[in-house]
C-alpha atoms as a PDB file:
ATOM      1  CA  MET A   1       0.004  -0.049  -0.067  1.00  0.00           C
ATOM      2  CA  ARG A   2       1.133   3.722  -0.642  1.00  0.00           C
ATOM      3  CA  TYR A   3      -0.585   6.006   1.563  1.00  0.00           C
ATOM      4  CA  MET A   4      -0.835   9.890   0.141  1.00  0.00           C
ATOM      5  CA  ASP A   5      -3.528  11.224   2.225  1.00  0.00           C
ATOM      6  CA  HIS A   6      -1.413  12.865   4.723  1.00  0.00           C
ATOM      7  CA  SER A   7      -3.505  15.551   4.759  1.00  0.00           C
ATOM      8  CA  ALA A   8      -6.331  13.419   6.473  1.00  0.00           C
ATOM      9  CA  THR A   9      -4.131  11.976   8.958  1.00  0.00           C
ATOM     10  CA  SER A  10      -0.422  11.070   9.417  1.00  0.00           C
ATOM     11  CA  PRO A  11       1.029   7.803  11.111  1.00  0.00           C
ATOM     12  CA  VAL A  12       2.744   8.784  14.507  1.00  0.00           C
ATOM     13  CA  ASN A  13       6.545   9.482  13.413  1.00  0.00           C
ATOM     14  CA  PRO A  14       9.034   6.711  15.169  1.00  0.00           C
ATOM     15  CA  GLU A  15      10.797   9.484  17.439  1.00  0.00           C
ATOM     16  CA  VAL A  16       7.424  10.737  18.662  1.00  0.00           C
ATOM     17  CA  LEU A  17       5.985   7.417  19.310  1.00  0.00           C
ATOM     18  CA  GLU A  18       9.550   6.620  21.436  1.00  0.00           C
ATOM     19  CA  GLU A  19       9.041   9.969  23.313  1.00  0.00           C
ATOM     20  CA  MET A  20       5.467   9.280  24.434  1.00  0.00           C
ATOM     21  CA  LEU A  21       5.951   5.685  25.530  1.00  0.00           C
ATOM     22  CA  PRO A  22       7.380   6.378  29.073  1.00  0.00           C
ATOM     23  CA  TYR A  23       4.049   8.308  29.597  1.00  0.00           C
ATOM     24  CA  PHE A  24       1.931   5.148  29.242  1.00  0.00           C
ATOM     25  CA  ASN A  25       3.820   2.818  31.600  1.00  0.00           C
ATOM     26  CA  GLN A  26       6.375   4.479  33.432  1.00  0.00           C
ATOM     27  CA  SER A  27       6.037   8.265  33.988  1.00  0.00           C
ATOM     28  CA  PHE A  28       1.879   8.015  34.081  1.00  0.00           C
ATOM     29  CA  GLY A  29       1.107   9.768  36.883  1.00  0.00           C
ATOM     30  CA  ASN A  30      -1.649  12.691  37.249  1.00  0.00           C
ATOM     31  CA  ALA A  31      -0.173  16.277  36.473  1.00  0.00           C
ATOM     32  CA  SER A  32      -2.205  17.743  38.877  1.00  0.00           C
ATOM     33  CA  THR A  33      -1.053  15.435  41.698  1.00  0.00           C
ATOM     34  CA  LEU A  34       1.940  16.917  44.040  1.00  0.00           C
ATOM     35  CA  TYR A  35       3.891  13.754  44.491  1.00  0.00           C
ATOM     36  CA  ALA A  36       6.850  12.809  42.354  1.00  0.00           C
ATOM     37  CA  LEU A  37       5.112  10.575  39.280  1.00  0.00           C
ATOM     38  CA  GLY A  38       2.497  13.427  39.118  1.00  0.00           C
ATOM     39  CA  ARG A  39       5.379  16.116  38.777  1.00  0.00           C
ATOM     40  CA  GLU A  40       7.150  14.237  36.156  1.00  0.00           C
ATOM     41  CA  ALA A  41       3.985  14.257  34.236  1.00  0.00           C
ATOM     42  CA  ARG A  42       3.341  17.892  34.954  1.00  0.00           C
ATOM     43  CA  THR A  43       7.083  18.564  33.833  1.00  0.00           C
ATOM     44  CA  ALA A  44       6.448  16.662  30.694  1.00  0.00           C
ATOM     45  CA  MET A  45       3.223  18.933  30.004  1.00  0.00           C
ATOM     46  CA  GLU A  46       5.153  22.128  30.478  1.00  0.00           C
ATOM     47  CA  ASN A  47       7.959  20.980  28.190  1.00  0.00           C
ATOM     48  CA  ALA A  48       5.486  20.145  25.660  1.00  0.00           C
ATOM     49  CA  ARG A  49       3.849  23.639  25.808  1.00  0.00           C
ATOM     50  CA  LYS A  50       7.153  25.132  25.103  1.00  0.00           C
ATOM     51  CA  GLN A  51       7.634  22.895  21.986  1.00  0.00           C
ATOM     52  CA  VAL A  52       4.032  23.902  20.795  1.00  0.00           C
ATOM     53  CA  ALA A  53       4.615  27.566  21.436  1.00  0.00           C
ATOM     54  CA  SER A  54       8.073  27.535  19.915  1.00  0.00           C
ATOM     55  CA  LEU A  55       6.426  26.251  16.732  1.00  0.00           C
ATOM     56  CA  ILE A  56       3.838  28.851  16.409  1.00  0.00           C
ATOM     57  CA  GLY A  57       5.896  31.697  17.900  1.00  0.00           C
ATOM     58  CA  ALA A  58       3.542  31.887  20.896  1.00  0.00           C
ATOM     59  CA  GLN A  59       4.012  31.768  24.674  1.00  0.00           C
ATOM     60  CA  PRO A  60       3.731  28.566  26.591  1.00  0.00           C
ATOM     61  CA  GLU A  61       1.083  29.864  28.797  1.00  0.00           C
ATOM     62  CA  GLU A  62      -1.143  30.552  25.862  1.00  0.00           C
ATOM     63  CA  ILE A  63      -0.912  26.967  24.792  1.00  0.00           C
ATOM     64  CA  TYR A  64      -4.123  24.732  25.583  1.00  0.00           C
ATOM     65  CA  PHE A  65      -4.261  21.351  25.352  1.00  0.00           C
ATOM     66  CA  THR A  66      -7.688  19.906  23.707  1.00  0.00           C
ATOM     67  CA  SER A  67      -8.328  16.601  22.156  1.00  0.00           C
ATOM     68  CA  GLY A  68      -8.029  17.620  18.671  1.00  0.00           C
ATOM     69  CA  GLY A  69      -8.801  20.118  16.153  1.00  0.00           C
ATOM     70  CA  THR A  70     -12.580  20.261  16.376  1.00  0.00           C
ATOM     71  CA  GLU A  71     -12.719  20.754  20.200  1.00  0.00           C
ATOM     72  CA  SER A  72      -9.939  23.350  19.471  1.00  0.00           C
ATOM     73  CA  ASP A  73     -12.148  25.102  17.127  1.00  0.00           C
ATOM     74  CA  ASN A  74     -15.336  25.014  19.356  1.00  0.00           C
ATOM     75  CA  MET A  75     -13.486  26.131  22.332  1.00  0.00           C
ATOM     76  CA  ALA A  76     -12.027  29.322  20.741  1.00  0.00           C
ATOM     77  CA  ILE A  77     -15.107  30.183  18.899  1.00  0.00           C
ATOM     78  CA  LYS A  78     -17.696  29.704  21.746  1.00  0.00           C
ATOM     79  CA  GLY A  79     -15.518  31.242  24.378  1.00  0.00           C
ATOM     80  CA  VAL A  80     -14.801  34.332  22.452  1.00  0.00           C
ATOM     81  CA  VAL A  81     -18.508  34.615  21.922  1.00  0.00           C
ATOM     82  CA  SER A  82     -19.582  33.864  25.308  1.00  0.00           C
ATOM     83  CA  LYS A  83     -16.880  36.140  26.731  1.00  0.00           C
ATOM     84  CA  LEU A  84     -18.091  39.118  24.655  1.00  0.00           C
ATOM     85  CA  LYS A  85     -22.058  38.488  24.448  1.00  0.00           C
ATOM     86  CA  ASN A  86     -22.951  41.562  25.831  1.00  0.00           C
ATOM     87  CA  LYS A  87     -20.673  43.333  23.359  1.00  0.00           C
ATOM     88  CA  GLY A  88     -22.211  42.216  20.196  1.00  0.00           C
ATOM     89  CA  ASN A  89     -23.641  39.139  18.336  1.00  0.00           C
ATOM     90  CA  HIS A  90     -22.079  38.681  14.976  1.00  0.00           C
ATOM     91  CA  ILE A  91     -19.352  36.402  13.509  1.00  0.00           C
ATOM     92  CA  ILE A  92     -17.766  36.592  10.174  1.00  0.00           C
ATOM     93  CA  THR A  93     -16.369  33.440   8.906  1.00  0.00           C
ATOM     94  CA  SER A  94     -15.461  32.180   5.142  1.00  0.00           C
ATOM     95  CA  ALA A  95     -17.897  29.577   3.508  1.00  0.00           C
ATOM     96  CA  ILE A  96     -15.438  27.035   3.024  1.00  0.00           C
ATOM     97  CA  GLU A  97     -14.539  26.305   6.529  1.00  0.00           C
ATOM     98  CA  HIS A  98     -13.929  22.551   7.834  1.00  0.00           C
ATOM     99  CA  PRO A  99     -17.436  21.500   9.430  1.00  0.00           C
ATOM    100  CA  ALA A 100     -15.815  22.031  12.869  1.00  0.00           C
ATOM    101  CA  VAL A 101     -15.868  25.562  12.496  1.00  0.00           C
ATOM    102  CA  GLU A 102     -19.022  25.903  10.049  1.00  0.00           C
ATOM    103  CA  GLU A 103     -21.128  23.552  12.099  1.00  0.00           C
ATOM    104  CA  THR A 104     -20.163  25.694  15.383  1.00  0.00           C
ATOM    105  CA  CYS A 105     -21.119  28.751  13.445  1.00  0.00           C
ATOM    106  CA  LYS A 106     -24.812  26.821  12.391  1.00  0.00           C
ATOM    107  CA  TYR A 107     -25.199  26.067  16.203  1.00  0.00           C
ATOM    108  CA  LEU A 108     -24.465  29.564  17.073  1.00  0.00           C
ATOM    109  CA  GLU A 109     -27.079  31.141  14.726  1.00  0.00           C
ATOM    110  CA  LYS A 110     -29.760  28.893  16.338  1.00  0.00           C
ATOM    111  CA  GLU A 111     -28.407  30.544  19.529  1.00  0.00           C
ATOM    112  CA  GLY A 112     -29.320  33.895  18.276  1.00  0.00           C
ATOM    113  CA  TYR A 113     -26.147  35.158  16.681  1.00  0.00           C
ATOM    114  CA  LYS A 114     -25.527  36.360  13.203  1.00  0.00           C
ATOM    115  CA  VAL A 115     -23.359  34.742  11.019  1.00  0.00           C
ATOM    116  CA  THR A 116     -21.839  36.348   7.664  1.00  0.00           C
ATOM    117  CA  TYR A 117     -20.382  33.570   5.264  1.00  0.00           C
ATOM    118  CA  LEU A 118     -18.051  35.560   2.861  1.00  0.00           C
ATOM    119  CA  PRO A 119     -17.624  33.587  -0.616  1.00  0.00           C
ATOM    120  CA  VAL A 120     -14.260  32.589  -2.110  1.00  0.00           C
ATOM    121  CA  TYR A 121     -13.535  33.562  -5.678  1.00  0.00           C
ATOM    122  CA  GLU A 122     -12.290  31.741  -8.641  1.00  0.00           C
ATOM    123  CA  ASP A 123      -8.997  31.550  -6.873  1.00  0.00           C
ATOM    124  CA  GLY A 124     -10.362  29.982  -3.678  1.00  0.00           C
ATOM    125  CA  ILE A 125      -9.493  33.098  -1.882  1.00  0.00           C
ATOM    126  CA  VAL A 126     -11.418  35.201   0.564  1.00  0.00           C
ATOM    127  CA  LYS A 127     -11.034  38.900  -0.160  1.00  0.00           C
ATOM    128  CA  VAL A 128      -9.933  41.214   2.584  1.00  0.00           C
ATOM    129  CA  SER A 129     -12.159  43.728   1.370  1.00  0.00           C
ATOM    130  CA  ASP A 130     -15.181  41.659   1.918  1.00  0.00           C
ATOM    131  CA  VAL A 131     -13.942  41.057   5.114  1.00  0.00           C
ATOM    132  CA  GLU A 132     -13.882  44.644   5.869  1.00  0.00           C
ATOM    133  CA  GLU A 133     -17.314  45.555   4.011  1.00  0.00           C
ATOM    134  CA  ALA A 134     -18.953  42.621   6.539  1.00  0.00           C
ATOM    135  CA  ILE A 135     -17.942  44.230   9.783  1.00  0.00           C
ATOM    136  CA  THR A 136     -20.514  45.921  11.908  1.00  0.00           C
ATOM    137  CA  SER A 137     -20.512  47.202  15.348  1.00  0.00           C
ATOM    138  CA  GLU A 138     -21.908  43.898  16.559  1.00  0.00           C
ATOM    139  CA  THR A 139     -18.934  41.783  15.212  1.00  0.00           C
ATOM    140  CA  ILE A 140     -17.010  40.091  17.808  1.00  0.00           C
ATOM    141  CA  LEU A 141     -15.291  37.286  15.975  1.00  0.00           C
ATOM    142  CA  ILE A 142     -13.510  36.787  12.572  1.00  0.00           C
ATOM    143  CA  THR A 143     -12.762  33.151  12.001  1.00  0.00           C
ATOM    144  CA  VAL A 144     -10.879  32.013   8.866  1.00  0.00           C
ATOM    145  CA  MET A 145      -8.882  28.824   7.941  1.00  0.00           C
ATOM    146  CA  HIS A 146      -5.360  29.349   7.166  1.00  0.00           C
ATOM    147  CA  ALA A 147      -5.199  26.554   4.386  1.00  0.00           C
ATOM    148  CA  ASN A 148      -8.156  24.928   2.782  1.00  0.00           C
ATOM    149  CA  ASN A 149      -8.086  20.933   3.802  1.00  0.00           C
ATOM    150  CA  GLU A 150      -9.532  20.316   0.163  1.00  0.00           C
ATOM    151  CA  ILE A 151      -8.092  22.964  -2.182  1.00  0.00           C
ATOM    152  CA  GLY A 152      -4.883  23.801  -0.376  1.00  0.00           C
ATOM    153  CA  THR A 153      -5.554  27.547  -0.596  1.00  0.00           C
ATOM    154  CA  ILE A 154      -3.638  29.698   1.617  1.00  0.00           C
ATOM    155  CA  GLN A 155      -5.935  32.519   3.045  1.00  0.00           C
ATOM    156  CA  PRO A 156      -4.798  36.088   3.484  1.00  0.00           C
ATOM    157  CA  VAL A 157      -4.706  35.401   7.345  1.00  0.00           C
ATOM    158  CA  ALA A 158      -1.954  37.837   8.240  1.00  0.00           C
ATOM    159  CA  GLU A 159      -3.672  40.822   6.223  1.00  0.00           C
ATOM    160  CA  ILE A 160      -7.407  39.813   7.994  1.00  0.00           C
ATOM    161  CA  GLY A 161      -5.884  39.732  11.097  1.00  0.00           C
ATOM    162  CA  ALA A 162      -4.421  43.189  10.730  1.00  0.00           C
ATOM    163  CA  LEU A 163      -7.625  44.485   9.864  1.00  0.00           C
ATOM    164  CA  ALA A 164      -9.432  42.387  12.764  1.00  0.00           C
ATOM    165  CA  ARG A 165      -6.892  44.070  15.131  1.00  0.00           C
ATOM    166  CA  GLU A 166      -7.207  47.724  13.940  1.00  0.00           C
ATOM    167  CA  LYS A 167     -11.113  46.803  14.653  1.00  0.00           C
ATOM    168  CA  GLY A 168     -10.518  45.704  17.760  1.00  0.00           C
ATOM    169  CA  ILE A 169     -12.260  42.282  16.867  1.00  0.00           C
ATOM    170  CA  TYR A 170     -11.143  38.881  17.824  1.00  0.00           C
ATOM    171  CA  PHE A 171      -9.502  36.648  15.104  1.00  0.00           C
ATOM    172  CA  HIS A 172      -9.400  33.082  15.220  1.00  0.00           C
ATOM    173  CA  THR A 173      -7.742  30.996  12.148  1.00  0.00           C
ATOM    174  CA  ASP A 174      -7.874  27.081  11.910  1.00  0.00           C
ATOM    175  CA  ALA A 175      -4.390  26.296  11.152  1.00  0.00           C
ATOM    176  CA  VAL A 176      -4.798  22.140  11.229  1.00  0.00           C
ATOM    177  CA  GLN A 177      -3.886  22.026   7.927  1.00  0.00           C
ATOM    178  CA  SER A 178      -1.033  24.573   7.939  1.00  0.00           C
ATOM    179  CA  VAL A 179       1.088  24.188  10.925  1.00  0.00           C
ATOM    180  CA  GLY A 180       4.155  21.892  10.402  1.00  0.00           C
ATOM    181  CA  LYS A 181       3.963  22.009   6.455  1.00  0.00           C
ATOM    182  CA  ILE A 182       4.206  25.999   5.883  1.00  0.00           C
ATOM    183  CA  PRO A 183       5.825  28.907   8.405  1.00  0.00           C
ATOM    184  CA  VAL A 184       3.482  29.652  10.914  1.00  0.00           C
ATOM    185  CA  ASN A 185       3.761  32.668  13.349  1.00  0.00           C
ATOM    186  CA  VAL A 186       1.277  34.112  15.472  1.00  0.00           C
ATOM    187  CA  GLU A 187       2.537  37.298  15.683  1.00  0.00           C
ATOM    188  CA  ASP A 188       3.196  37.994  12.076  1.00  0.00           C
ATOM    189  CA  MET A 189      -0.119  36.601  11.240  1.00  0.00           C
ATOM    190  CA  ASN A 190      -1.941  38.772  13.901  1.00  0.00           C
ATOM    191  CA  VAL A 191      -3.839  35.790  15.244  1.00  0.00           C
ATOM    192  CA  ASP A 192      -5.578  35.785  18.835  1.00  0.00           C
ATOM    193  CA  LEU A 193      -6.699  32.317  18.435  1.00  0.00           C
ATOM    194  CA  LEU A 194      -5.040  29.304  16.551  1.00  0.00           C
ATOM    195  CA  SER A 195      -6.121  25.624  16.314  1.00  0.00           C
ATOM    196  CA  ILE A 196      -3.753  22.820  15.622  1.00  0.00           C
ATOM    197  CA  SER A 197      -4.097  19.145  15.651  1.00  0.00           C
ATOM    198  CA  SER A 198      -1.114  16.751  16.117  1.00  0.00           C
ATOM    199  CA  HIS A 199      -2.359  14.010  14.045  1.00  0.00           C
ATOM    200  CA  LYS A 200      -1.958  15.976  10.510  1.00  0.00           C
ATOM    201  CA  LEU A 201       1.725  16.480  11.541  1.00  0.00           C
ATOM    202  CA  TYR A 202       3.064  12.771  12.683  1.00  0.00           C
ATOM    203  CA  GLY A 203       1.514  13.137  16.226  1.00  0.00           C
ATOM    204  CA  PRO A 204      -0.848  11.113  18.218  1.00  0.00           C
ATOM    205  CA  LYS A 205      -4.601  11.128  17.107  1.00  0.00           C
END
């Protein structure tokens, strides 16, 4: 068999597996406990947090581990709108988002939020000018994916992020398909929240 769908999922790299094995049967302590075994696990988690932060140009304390990309997208989007529900009820996204984002936005529409689904054009790209036109006084979140999981287009995330920052709007990007494949830096990209999934880059599912 020749496996050619690493954008869907990738096998665990042998080096990654080797690093993980001790935490299944040796250093398996609960990272929230105070005794030695738990402290070992806690140290490993904090080291992993530093490694992830370094990968995307973030700070370790900004890294939150979830079960995967879908939970990460959900937590980012629902977290922002819950925090800002008294400020506004409008979300801007694209028409080609992964279901993890699309379905979350549809759910929020049922909860009374307004969602603008921006089109893409012949090149599969969202126009920054369309984002700007869609912003209202009620806009509290913009969420546009970095790299599309089906056609591979790279969205102008840095430009959208700069616009969002100028307007005081939170910006989230689903970077599940891009991290580990192309350079990603949250500061350069003007990103407030970014979602990653390890199984796309030779880590565990």
